[in-house]
């Protein structure tokens, strides 16, 4: 579900009608854009690689880096089958393992989470009304939309000269200037 940009905002920018592109189609595009940008923004999040349920109401999650969560904190879990959503931290086992309260979990020993799940202490909603971040999401959403419509993902000018491929590895570089104040230094490699 989109957090920063609504389907109505994207529809207005694109100039398309709701009869041609319904909200669900545009929301999927916005979700893609938010996922692409979200990993680069400052948020307290850790990847999860193992999970174990020792009862129907307790699940241990192991992070790939120190989690810094505390007992009673609400975290958002994603990518962990059966445990996605807002969960309360019940116990801190160590700096890598924490326990969440669950309902109806199947008891099992540690299992790998492939691909890694994620636990976040906050979400993209902290960037609501930050125009630079919202504009960056909108720009990426426009590129995703146009790549879906264009033949081979490449748009053409009126004189039929092809434009550069829009979904290449420079997709995020175009908006880096907009989000530079909010980029998480841990998301940068090299």
Protein backbone atom coordinates (compact mmCIF):
# COMPACT_ATOMS: atom_id res chain seq x y z
CA UNK A 1 0.00 0.00 0.00
CA UNK A 2 1.54 3.34 -1.01
CA UNK A 3 2.65 5.55 1.85
CA UNK A 4 4.13 8.71 0.34
CA UNK A 5 2.33 9.23 -2.97
CA UNK A 6 -1.31 8.43 -3.72
CA UNK A 7 -2.68 6.91 -6.89
CA UNK A 8 -4.59 10.16 -7.49
CA UNK A 9 -1.34 12.17 -7.39
CA UNK A 10 0.38 9.84 -9.85
CA UNK A 11 -2.71 9.84 -12.10
CA UNK A 12 -2.71 13.66 -12.15
CA UNK A 13 0.97 13.83 -13.10
CA UNK A 14 0.62 11.18 -15.80
CA UNK A 15 -2.60 12.66 -17.15
CA UNK A 16 -4.38 9.30 -17.35
CA UNK A 17 -7.97 8.51 -16.43
CA UNK A 18 -9.17 6.09 -13.77
CA UNK A 19 -11.05 4.14 -16.43
CA UNK A 20 -7.78 3.42 -18.25
CA UNK A 21 -5.58 2.74 -15.19
CA UNK A 22 -7.33 1.78 -11.98
CA UNK A 23 -5.98 2.55 -8.51
CA UNK A 24 -4.61 -0.98 -8.03
CA UNK A 25 -2.38 -0.71 -11.11
CA UNK A 26 -1.03 2.68 -10.11
CA UNK A 27 -0.56 1.63 -6.47
CA UNK A 28 1.57 -1.32 -7.62
CA UNK A 29 3.78 1.12 -9.52
CA UNK A 30 4.03 3.42 -6.49
CA UNK A 31 4.89 0.46 -4.23
CA UNK A 32 7.73 -0.42 -6.61
CA UNK A 33 9.04 3.15 -6.48
CA UNK A 34 8.78 3.33 -2.68
CA UNK A 35 10.58 -0.01 -2.33
CA UNK A 36 13.38 1.21 -4.59
CA UNK A 37 13.90 4.46 -2.71
CA UNK A 38 13.05 3.18 0.78
CA UNK A 39 16.21 1.09 1.05
CA UNK A 40 18.33 4.23 0.63
CA UNK A 41 16.54 6.39 3.22
CA UNK A 42 17.46 6.66 6.88
CA UNK A 43 15.28 4.23 8.81
CA UNK A 44 16.13 1.92 11.67
CA UNK A 45 15.91 -1.49 10.01
CA UNK A 46 17.76 -4.79 10.08
CA UNK A 47 17.64 -7.83 7.85
CA UNK A 48 16.42 -11.11 9.35
CA UNK A 49 18.00 -14.43 8.35
CA UNK A 50 16.63 -17.01 10.85
CA UNK A 51 13.35 -17.58 12.69
CA UNK A 52 12.26 -20.10 15.30
CA UNK A 53 8.91 -20.59 17.04
CA UNK A 54 9.16 -22.26 20.43
CA UNK A 55 5.41 -21.91 21.05
CA UNK A 56 2.30 -20.72 19.25
CA UNK A 57 2.77 -17.24 20.74
CA UNK A 58 6.56 -16.71 20.68
CA UNK A 59 8.88 -16.45 17.70
CA UNK A 60 12.63 -15.79 17.83
CA UNK A 61 14.05 -13.72 14.98
CA UNK A 62 17.77 -13.36 14.29
CA UNK A 63 19.09 -10.24 12.60
CA UNK A 64 22.19 -9.99 10.43
CA UNK A 65 23.39 -6.91 12.38
CA UNK A 66 22.80 -5.69 15.94
CA UNK A 67 19.10 -4.78 16.11
CA UNK A 68 19.03 -2.17 18.93
CA UNK A 69 15.37 -2.91 19.68
CA UNK A 70 13.98 -2.86 23.21
CA UNK A 71 11.28 -4.81 25.08
CA UNK A 72 7.82 -3.40 24.41
CA UNK A 73 8.82 -1.70 21.14
CA UNK A 74 6.56 -2.19 18.12
CA UNK A 75 8.47 -3.21 14.99
CA UNK A 76 7.24 -3.85 11.46
CA UNK A 77 8.19 -7.29 10.16
CA UNK A 78 8.20 -8.01 6.43
CA UNK A 79 9.36 -10.96 4.36
CA UNK A 80 8.85 -13.52 7.15
CA UNK A 81 5.99 -15.84 6.25
CA UNK A 82 3.30 -15.89 8.94
CA UNK A 83 4.80 -13.01 10.92
CA UNK A 84 4.47 -9.96 8.65
CA UNK A 85 3.02 -6.79 10.13
CA UNK A 86 3.41 -4.82 13.35
CA UNK A 87 4.71 -6.95 16.22
CA UNK A 88 5.71 -6.20 19.81
CA UNK A 89 9.21 -7.13 21.00
CA UNK A 90 8.65 -9.43 23.99
CA UNK A 91 12.24 -10.30 24.90
CA UNK A 92 15.80 -9.45 23.91
CA UNK A 93 17.91 -12.63 23.83
CA UNK A 94 21.10 -10.87 22.68
CA UNK A 95 22.11 -8.09 20.32
CA UNK A 96 21.15 -10.24 17.31
CA UNK A 97 18.13 -12.25 18.51
CA UNK A 98 14.82 -10.89 19.74
CA UNK A 99 11.44 -12.49 20.47
CA UNK A 100 8.11 -11.23 19.14
CA UNK A 101 4.58 -12.04 20.23
CA UNK A 102 2.71 -14.06 17.60
CA UNK A 103 -0.54 -15.96 17.26
CA UNK A 104 -0.92 -19.47 15.92
CA UNK A 105 2.73 -20.06 15.01
CA UNK A 106 3.79 -23.64 14.26
CA UNK A 107 6.48 -24.81 16.68
CA UNK A 108 9.80 -25.42 14.88
CA UNK A 109 13.55 -24.98 15.30
CA UNK A 110 15.54 -22.29 13.48
CA UNK A 111 14.74 -21.96 9.78
CA UNK A 112 16.45 -19.79 7.19
CA UNK A 113 14.56 -16.81 5.84
CA UNK A 114 15.33 -16.69 2.12
CA UNK A 115 15.42 -14.00 0.85
CA UNK A 116 16.10 -12.15 4.09
CA UNK A 117 13.17 -10.61 5.89
CA UNK A 118 13.27 -7.21 7.52
CA UNK A 119 12.44 -5.71 10.90
CA UNK A 120 11.98 -1.94 10.97
CA UNK A 121 11.39 0.33 13.93
CA UNK A 122 9.82 2.89 11.64
CA UNK A 123 8.41 3.04 8.13
CA UNK A 124 8.44 5.38 5.16
CA UNK A 125 5.54 7.26 6.75
CA UNK A 126 8.13 9.29 8.65
CA UNK A 127 8.79 10.98 5.30
CA UNK A 128 5.18 12.09 4.79
CA UNK A 129 5.10 15.76 3.80
CA UNK A 130 8.84 15.77 2.99
CA UNK A 131 8.39 17.10 -0.52
CA UNK A 132 11.85 16.11 -1.78
CA UNK A 133 11.29 12.43 -0.91
CA UNK A 134 7.73 12.45 -2.23
CA UNK A 135 8.94 14.01 -5.48
CA UNK A 136 11.69 11.39 -5.81
CA UNK A 137 9.13 8.60 -5.37
CA UNK A 138 6.92 10.25 -7.97
CA UNK A 139 9.81 10.53 -10.46
CA UNK A 140 10.69 6.83 -10.07
CA UNK A 141 6.99 5.90 -10.38
CA UNK A 142 6.76 7.85 -13.65
CA UNK A 143 9.77 5.96 -15.02
CA UNK A 144 8.29 2.61 -13.98
CA UNK A 145 4.96 3.54 -15.60
CA UNK A 146 6.58 4.65 -18.85
CA UNK A 147 8.79 1.55 -18.99
CA UNK A 148 5.69 -0.63 -18.76
CA UNK A 149 4.09 1.16 -21.69
CA UNK A 150 7.07 1.59 -23.99
CA UNK A 151 8.23 -1.08 -26.38
CA UNK A 152 11.25 -2.81 -24.78
CA UNK A 153 11.03 -0.26 -21.97
CA UNK A 154 12.48 2.45 -24.23
CA UNK A 155 10.44 5.48 -25.18
CA UNK A 156 10.87 7.24 -28.50
CA UNK A 157 10.87 10.91 -29.40
CA UNK A 158 8.59 12.30 -32.09
CA UNK A 159 11.36 11.78 -34.66
CA UNK A 160 11.56 8.09 -33.62
CA UNK A 161 14.98 8.36 -31.98
CA UNK A 162 15.05 6.03 -28.99
CA UNK A 163 15.54 7.51 -25.55
CA UNK A 164 17.85 5.82 -23.05
CA UNK A 165 16.52 2.77 -21.22
CA UNK A 166 14.72 4.20 -18.18
CA UNK A 167 14.98 1.25 -15.82
CA UNK A 168 18.77 0.92 -15.88
CA UNK A 169 21.14 1.13 -12.96
CA UNK A 170 21.05 4.92 -13.08
CA UNK A 171 17.36 4.95 -12.14
CA UNK A 172 18.07 6.10 -8.58
CA UNK A 173 20.97 8.38 -9.50
CA UNK A 174 18.49 10.76 -11.13
CA UNK A 175 16.82 11.46 -7.79
CA UNK A 176 19.85 11.29 -5.50
CA UNK A 177 20.03 15.08 -5.39
CA UNK A 178 16.47 15.26 -4.12
CA UNK A 179 16.96 12.74 -1.33
CA UNK A 180 20.61 13.46 -0.49
CA UNK A 181 19.78 14.88 2.98
CA UNK A 182 17.90 11.70 3.85
CA UNK A 183 20.23 9.01 2.43
CA UNK A 184 21.37 6.37 4.91
CA UNK A 185 25.16 6.16 4.72
CA UNK A 186 24.91 2.41 5.44
CA UNK A 187 23.05 1.94 2.14
CA UNK A 188 26.05 3.16 0.14
CA UNK A 189 28.72 0.68 -0.95
CA UNK A 190 32.20 1.54 -2.15
